[in-house]
Amino acid sequence: MRENFCAPWAEVEYLFDEEILPVCSGSLLAMSDQKLSVAELLTELPLLHQSTRITGWEEWFALSGVSSPLVNNGPRFDLLSMLIAAVRSNLGVALLPRFAIQHDLDSGDMVIPCDVPIRTGNRFIMTWQEEKSDSPHLQQFREWLLAKSVVPQEM
């Protein structure tokens, strides 16, 4: 949720900025810690697309100075969960939000083949009604959510 959508009575707690990055299964690379150049990523691995971010790869490659009609090739997935499952199934590399796959990165199930993350400008926040601020349940949930929030490293 973006802050500008919040009701005037809402309290707002910033959680994290959205960061998307290219990820794939480590088994798609010769070595799981192998890093590819931007150009190699385009030619070495199938690009998987999220239909709600159809220009994602085009924007990512453009930020790296690469323009090619190949950036639009590859299967498209409507649901983020399907795209994540495709990456886990070794179908290719996808641009995914860090918060959705941090546990896969931590476990080594997914790797970052080309370390060029993008901050999208989206922010994740928690909101609640101001009069509920003293609720112990709300405070417990807020503390848990803050502890679980993925805070991307500085780029």
Protein backbone atom coordinates (compact mmCIF):
# COMPACT_ATOMS: atom_id res chain seq x y z
CA MET A 1 0.00 0.00 0.00
CA ARG A 2 1.29 3.45 -0.79
CA GLU A 3 1.14 6.21 1.79
CA ASN A 4 -0.90 8.53 -0.41
CA PHE A 5 -3.78 6.03 -0.28
CA CYS A 6 -4.07 6.20 3.51
CA ALA A 7 -7.10 7.69 5.19
CA PRO A 8 -6.54 10.88 7.21
CA TRP A 9 -7.31 8.98 10.44
CA ALA A 10 -4.62 6.39 9.78
CA GLU A 11 -1.37 5.91 11.61
CA VAL A 12 1.43 4.83 9.28
CA GLU A 13 4.54 2.73 9.92
CA TYR A 14 7.13 2.50 7.16
CA LEU A 15 8.31 -1.09 6.58
CA PHE A 16 10.62 -1.08 3.54
CA ASP A 17 11.13 0.10 -0.04
CA GLU A 18 10.45 -2.41 -2.77
CA GLU A 19 13.56 -3.75 -4.47
CA ILE A 20 13.45 -6.09 -7.45
CA LEU A 21 16.39 -8.15 -8.61
CA PRO A 22 17.17 -10.90 -11.11
CA VAL A 23 17.13 -14.34 -9.52
CA CYS A 24 17.35 -17.93 -10.71
CA SER A 25 17.91 -21.38 -9.31
CA GLY A 26 21.57 -21.99 -8.53
CA SER A 27 21.45 -25.14 -10.63
CA LEU A 28 21.03 -23.04 -13.80
CA LEU A 29 24.56 -21.69 -13.37
CA ALA A 30 27.80 -23.63 -13.75
CA MET A 31 28.56 -22.69 -10.12
CA SER A 32 25.92 -21.30 -7.75
CA ASP A 33 28.12 -18.30 -6.91
CA GLN A 34 28.82 -17.54 -10.59
CA LYS A 35 28.09 -13.95 -11.66
CA LEU A 36 27.04 -13.07 -15.18
CA SER A 37 27.41 -9.77 -16.98
CA VAL A 38 24.22 -8.03 -18.06
CA ALA A 39 24.85 -9.08 -21.69
CA GLU A 40 25.50 -12.70 -20.65
CA LEU A 41 22.28 -12.78 -18.66
CA LEU A 42 20.35 -11.83 -21.80
CA THR A 43 21.91 -14.60 -23.89
CA GLU A 44 22.60 -17.36 -21.35
CA LEU A 45 19.32 -17.76 -19.45
CA PRO A 46 15.63 -17.74 -20.43
CA LEU A 47 13.91 -14.58 -19.20
CA LEU A 48 10.70 -15.16 -17.25
CA HIS A 49 8.22 -12.27 -17.16
CA GLN A 50 5.52 -11.15 -14.75
CA SER A 51 2.51 -9.98 -16.75
CA THR A 52 1.82 -7.14 -14.30
CA ARG A 53 5.36 -5.84 -14.88
CA ILE A 54 5.55 -6.50 -18.58
CA THR A 55 8.27 -3.89 -19.15
CA GLY A 56 10.32 -5.02 -16.15
CA TRP A 57 13.14 -6.66 -18.09
CA GLU A 58 13.20 -3.89 -20.69
CA GLU A 59 13.62 -1.27 -17.94
CA TRP A 60 16.19 -3.37 -16.07
CA PHE A 61 18.35 -3.87 -19.17
CA ALA A 62 17.96 -0.20 -20.18
CA LEU A 63 19.31 0.87 -16.77
CA SER A 64 22.34 -1.26 -17.56
CA GLY A 65 22.75 0.25 -21.03
CA VAL A 66 21.50 -2.78 -22.98
CA SER A 67 18.77 -2.57 -25.60
CA SER A 68 17.66 -5.68 -27.48
CA PRO A 69 14.43 -7.17 -28.82
CA LEU A 70 15.37 -10.33 -26.90
CA VAL A 71 14.38 -8.71 -23.59
CA ASN A 72 10.72 -9.33 -24.39
CA ASN A 73 11.18 -13.03 -25.21
CA GLY A 74 10.16 -15.69 -22.74
CA PRO A 75 7.12 -17.00 -20.91
CA ARG A 76 4.81 -14.70 -18.96
CA PHE A 77 3.14 -15.48 -15.66
CA ASP A 78 0.07 -13.74 -14.27
CA LEU A 79 0.67 -14.55 -10.62
CA LEU A 80 3.79 -13.76 -8.64
CA SER A 81 3.52 -17.18 -6.99
CA MET A 82 3.61 -18.88 -10.41
CA LEU A 83 6.68 -16.88 -11.42
CA ILE A 84 8.45 -17.84 -8.19
CA ALA A 85 7.52 -21.49 -8.78
CA ALA A 86 8.94 -21.26 -12.32
CA VAL A 87 12.25 -19.96 -10.97
CA ARG A 88 12.34 -22.72 -8.34
CA SER A 89 11.68 -25.23 -11.16
CA ASN A 90 14.78 -24.10 -13.11
CA LEU A 91 12.79 -22.54 -15.96
CA GLY A 92 14.86 -19.36 -16.12
CA VAL A 93 15.66 -16.05 -14.47
CA ALA A 94 13.03 -13.59 -13.24
CA LEU A 95 12.90 -10.11 -11.78
CA LEU A 96 11.38 -10.63 -8.36
CA PRO A 97 10.79 -8.45 -5.32
CA ARG A 98 13.30 -9.21 -2.58
CA PHE A 99 10.62 -9.45 0.11
CA ALA A 100 8.97 -12.36 -1.73
CA ILE A 101 12.13 -14.47 -2.14
CA GLN A 102 14.53 -13.44 0.64
CA HIS A 103 14.15 -16.84 2.33
CA ASP A 104 15.03 -18.55 -0.98
CA LEU A 105 18.16 -16.39 -1.24
CA ASP A 106 19.11 -17.08 2.38
CA SER A 107 18.71 -20.84 1.91
CA GLY A 108 20.63 -20.86 -1.39
CA ASP A 109 17.62 -22.17 -3.32
CA MET A 110 17.78 -19.01 -5.46
CA VAL A 111 20.81 -16.96 -6.43
CA ILE A 112 21.42 -13.54 -7.92
CA PRO A 113 23.25 -14.17 -11.22
CA CYS A 114 23.76 -10.49 -12.00
CA ASP A 115 23.81 -8.16 -9.01
CA VAL A 116 21.90 -5.17 -10.37
CA PRO A 117 18.92 -4.52 -8.07
CA ILE A 118 16.34 -1.82 -8.79
CA ARG A 119 14.40 0.23 -6.28
CA THR A 120 10.92 0.65 -7.75
CA GLY A 121 9.85 3.65 -5.68
CA ASN A 122 7.08 1.62 -4.05
CA ARG A 123 7.08 1.61 -0.26
CA PHE A 124 5.48 -0.98 1.98
CA ILE A 125 3.75 0.36 5.05
CA MET A 126 1.45 -0.75 7.82
CA THR A 127 -1.59 1.38 8.65
CA TRP A 128 -4.11 1.29 11.46
CA GLN A 129 -6.81 3.49 12.96
CA GLU A 130 -5.38 6.08 15.31
CA GLU A 131 -7.78 5.17 18.14
CA LYS A 132 -6.46 1.57 18.07
CA SER A 133 -2.83 2.61 18.69
CA ASP A 134 -2.84 1.45 22.33
CA SER A 135 -4.12 -2.04 21.51
CA PRO A 136 -1.65 -4.66 22.85
CA HIS A 137 -2.57 -6.98 19.95
CA LEU A 138 -1.83 -4.26 17.42
CA GLN A 139 1.48 -3.44 19.11
CA GLN A 140 2.48 -7.11 19.20
CA PHE A 141 1.62 -7.53 15.51
CA ARG A 142 3.45 -4.29 14.63
CA GLU A 143 6.61 -5.43 16.45
CA TRP A 144 6.45 -8.85 14.75
CA LEU A 145 5.91 -7.27 11.32
CA LEU A 146 8.82 -4.86 11.79
CA ALA A 147 11.07 -7.74 12.85
CA LYS A 148 10.08 -9.77 9.78
CA SER A 149 10.30 -6.93 7.27
CA VAL A 150 13.05 -7.29 4.71
CA VAL A 151 15.19 -4.19 4.68
CA PRO A 152 17.25 -4.19 1.47
CA GLN A 153 20.93 -3.41 1.81
CA GLU A 154 22.06 -0.01 0.60
CA MET A 155 22.85 0.05 -3.10
